[in-house]
Amino acid sequence: MTLSRSALLGLIVLTATVVSPSQQKFPLRPGEWVARISTDGSKAPPMVLHLCLNDESWLKTFAQNPSCSVEQLTFSPRGATYSMDCPMNTFQMKGTVDVTFDGAQHMVARSSMDMTMGGSTAHSVSILDYRYKGPACSPNDVNLKPQQPQ
């Protein structure tokens, strides 16, 4: 079983937007970012998404994922780590995420998730490589589009 496109998108947005009370501002350069997502063992080409990441979207996008709980969140100037649990209507995702900040224009997230759907559980490791594109966000960026119900 592989992650569905909507499950992967939810993971991508959540990975890019984890916050705590002490971390309310986006810690890297604000603007449009390109995320390249690859999953271990997949022969499919990496998925590429454009995201607007700034102080507002950092908080707003996270608030749009109320079905996921984040635990053991630790932040440092070099990145973040956390565990997450997302019991959705049609599937459940559970696992850990390590985010590494590599300067103000690059971050890499490694997620190790178990996804249960229809009684079957599959493990997946994804690498999300985020690169800064520029200061202006496009209205077509994934996290600026209206959210579809799950």
Protein backbone atom coordinates (compact mmCIF):
# COMPACT_ATOMS: atom_id res chain seq x y z
CA MET A 1 0.00 0.00 0.00
CA THR A 2 1.31 3.47 -0.80
CA LEU A 3 0.30 6.80 0.67
CA SER A 4 -2.64 8.31 -1.15
CA ARG A 5 -2.00 11.67 -2.79
CA SER A 6 -4.30 13.46 -0.28
CA ALA A 7 -2.64 11.75 2.69
CA LEU A 8 0.80 12.70 1.38
CA LEU A 9 -0.31 16.29 0.79
CA GLY A 10 -1.64 16.49 4.35
CA LEU A 11 1.69 15.22 5.64
CA ILE A 12 3.61 17.72 3.52
CA VAL A 13 1.61 20.69 4.70
CA LEU A 14 1.76 19.56 8.32
CA THR A 15 5.50 18.94 8.11
CA ALA A 16 6.02 22.44 6.81
CA THR A 17 3.87 24.06 9.41
CA VAL A 18 4.49 22.64 12.86
CA VAL A 19 4.49 25.32 15.56
CA SER A 20 4.60 25.62 19.31
CA PRO A 21 3.75 28.62 21.52
CA SER A 22 7.42 29.59 21.57
CA GLN A 23 7.77 29.22 17.78
CA GLN A 24 5.06 31.39 16.24
CA LYS A 25 7.08 32.95 13.44
CA PHE A 26 8.31 31.11 10.39
CA PRO A 27 12.03 30.56 11.16
CA LEU A 28 13.30 30.71 7.57
CA ARG A 29 12.96 33.14 4.68
CA PRO A 30 9.28 33.92 4.03
CA GLY A 31 7.85 33.56 0.54
CA GLU A 32 7.25 30.88 -2.05
CA TRP A 33 8.91 27.53 -1.50
CA VAL A 34 9.11 24.46 -3.73
CA ALA A 35 8.78 21.09 -2.01
CA ARG A 36 10.06 17.95 -3.75
CA ILE A 37 8.63 14.82 -2.15
CA SER A 38 10.03 11.36 -2.69
CA THR A 39 9.05 8.13 -0.96
CA ASP A 40 11.48 5.27 -0.35
CA GLY A 41 10.82 2.35 -2.64
CA SER A 42 8.59 4.31 -5.00
CA LYS A 43 9.44 4.30 -8.68
CA ALA A 44 7.22 7.32 -9.25
CA PRO A 45 8.97 10.61 -9.92
CA PRO A 46 9.06 13.01 -6.96
CA MET A 47 5.92 15.08 -6.44
CA VAL A 48 6.59 18.83 -6.67
CA LEU A 49 4.43 21.35 -4.82
CA HIS A 50 4.60 25.12 -4.39
CA LEU A 51 3.90 26.41 -0.88
CA CYS A 52 3.64 29.91 0.53
CA LEU A 53 5.51 29.86 3.83
CA ASN A 54 5.45 32.95 6.04
CA ASP A 55 4.39 33.87 9.58
CA GLU A 56 0.69 33.87 8.66
CA SER A 57 0.63 30.61 6.70
CA TRP A 58 2.89 28.93 9.27
CA LEU A 59 0.15 29.30 11.88
CA LYS A 60 -2.92 29.18 9.61
CA THR A 61 -2.10 25.93 7.82
CA PHE A 62 -1.36 24.12 11.05
CA ALA A 63 -4.71 25.23 12.45
CA GLN A 64 -6.40 23.69 9.38
CA ASN A 65 -5.22 20.22 10.44
CA PRO A 66 -7.21 19.76 13.66
CA SER A 67 -7.42 15.99 13.20
CA CYS A 68 -3.66 15.58 13.73
CA SER A 69 -2.06 15.72 17.14
CA VAL A 70 1.59 16.63 17.54
CA GLU A 71 3.56 15.36 20.53
CA GLN A 72 7.15 15.49 21.73
CA LEU A 73 7.75 18.63 19.68
CA THR A 74 11.23 20.05 20.06
CA PHE A 75 12.53 23.08 18.19
CA SER A 76 16.07 24.33 17.83
CA PRO A 77 17.74 26.81 15.49
CA ARG A 78 18.72 23.79 13.38
CA GLY A 79 15.28 22.22 13.00
CA ALA A 80 12.47 20.36 14.70
CA THR A 81 11.41 16.84 15.60
CA TYR A 82 8.00 15.54 16.58
CA SER A 83 5.62 12.60 16.63
CA MET A 84 2.23 12.90 15.03
CA ASP A 85 -1.01 10.99 14.98
CA CYS A 86 -3.68 11.70 12.36
CA PRO A 87 -6.83 9.62 12.78
CA MET A 88 -8.74 10.66 9.63
CA ASN A 89 -12.11 9.38 8.43
CA THR A 90 -10.72 6.90 5.90
CA PHE A 91 -7.20 6.23 7.22
CA GLN A 92 -4.84 6.79 10.13
CA MET A 93 -1.26 8.06 9.92
CA LYS A 94 1.14 7.80 12.81
CA GLY A 95 4.86 8.41 12.94
CA THR A 96 7.78 10.75 13.42
CA VAL A 97 9.16 13.71 11.52
CA ASP A 98 12.67 15.22 11.61
CA VAL A 99 13.07 18.65 10.01
CA THR A 100 16.55 20.08 9.40
CA PHE A 101 17.02 23.77 8.59
CA ASP A 102 19.98 24.25 6.27
CA GLY A 103 20.33 28.02 6.15
CA ALA A 104 17.41 30.42 5.61
CA GLN A 105 16.47 29.03 2.18
CA HIS A 106 16.51 25.26 2.54
CA MET A 107 15.03 22.61 4.82
CA VAL A 108 14.69 18.85 4.60
CA ALA A 109 12.08 16.81 6.41
CA ARG A 110 12.26 13.04 6.84
CA SER A 111 9.02 11.37 7.84
CA SER A 112 8.67 7.79 8.99
CA MET A 113 4.95 6.93 8.96
CA ASP A 114 2.67 3.99 9.44
CA MET A 115 -0.58 4.38 7.54
CA THR A 116 -3.56 2.17 8.29
CA MET A 117 -6.33 2.00 5.73
CA GLY A 118 -8.97 -0.69 5.35
CA GLY A 119 -7.38 -2.79 8.11
CA SER A 120 -3.95 -2.91 6.46
CA THR A 121 -0.92 -1.03 7.77
CA ALA A 122 2.02 0.01 5.62
CA HIS A 123 5.24 1.77 6.57
CA SER A 124 6.55 4.63 4.48
CA VAL A 125 9.62 6.86 4.65
CA SER A 126 9.40 10.13 2.76
CA ILE A 127 11.96 12.84 2.14
CA LEU A 128 10.60 16.34 1.67
CA ASP A 129 13.17 18.76 0.26
CA TYR A 130 12.05 22.41 0.57
CA ARG A 131 13.82 25.16 -1.37
CA TYR A 132 13.09 28.87 -1.29
CA LYS A 133 11.92 30.20 -4.66
CA GLY A 134 11.29 33.91 -4.01
CA PRO A 135 9.59 36.53 -1.83
CA ALA A 136 6.24 36.65 -3.69
CA CYS A 137 3.72 33.85 -3.11
CA SER A 138 1.42 32.67 -5.87
CA PRO A 139 -2.33 32.28 -5.26
CA ASN A 140 -1.83 28.81 -6.79
CA ASP A 141 0.39 27.67 -3.92
CA VAL A 142 -1.05 24.53 -2.32
CA ASN A 143 -1.61 26.01 1.12
CA LEU A 144 -3.37 29.12 -0.26
CA LYS A 145 -5.98 27.14 -2.21
CA PRO A 146 -9.31 26.37 -0.47
CA GLN A 147 -9.11 23.11 1.50
CA GLN A 148 -11.12 20.15 0.19
CA PRO A 149 -13.12 18.15 2.76
CA GLN A 150 -11.56 14.78 3.64
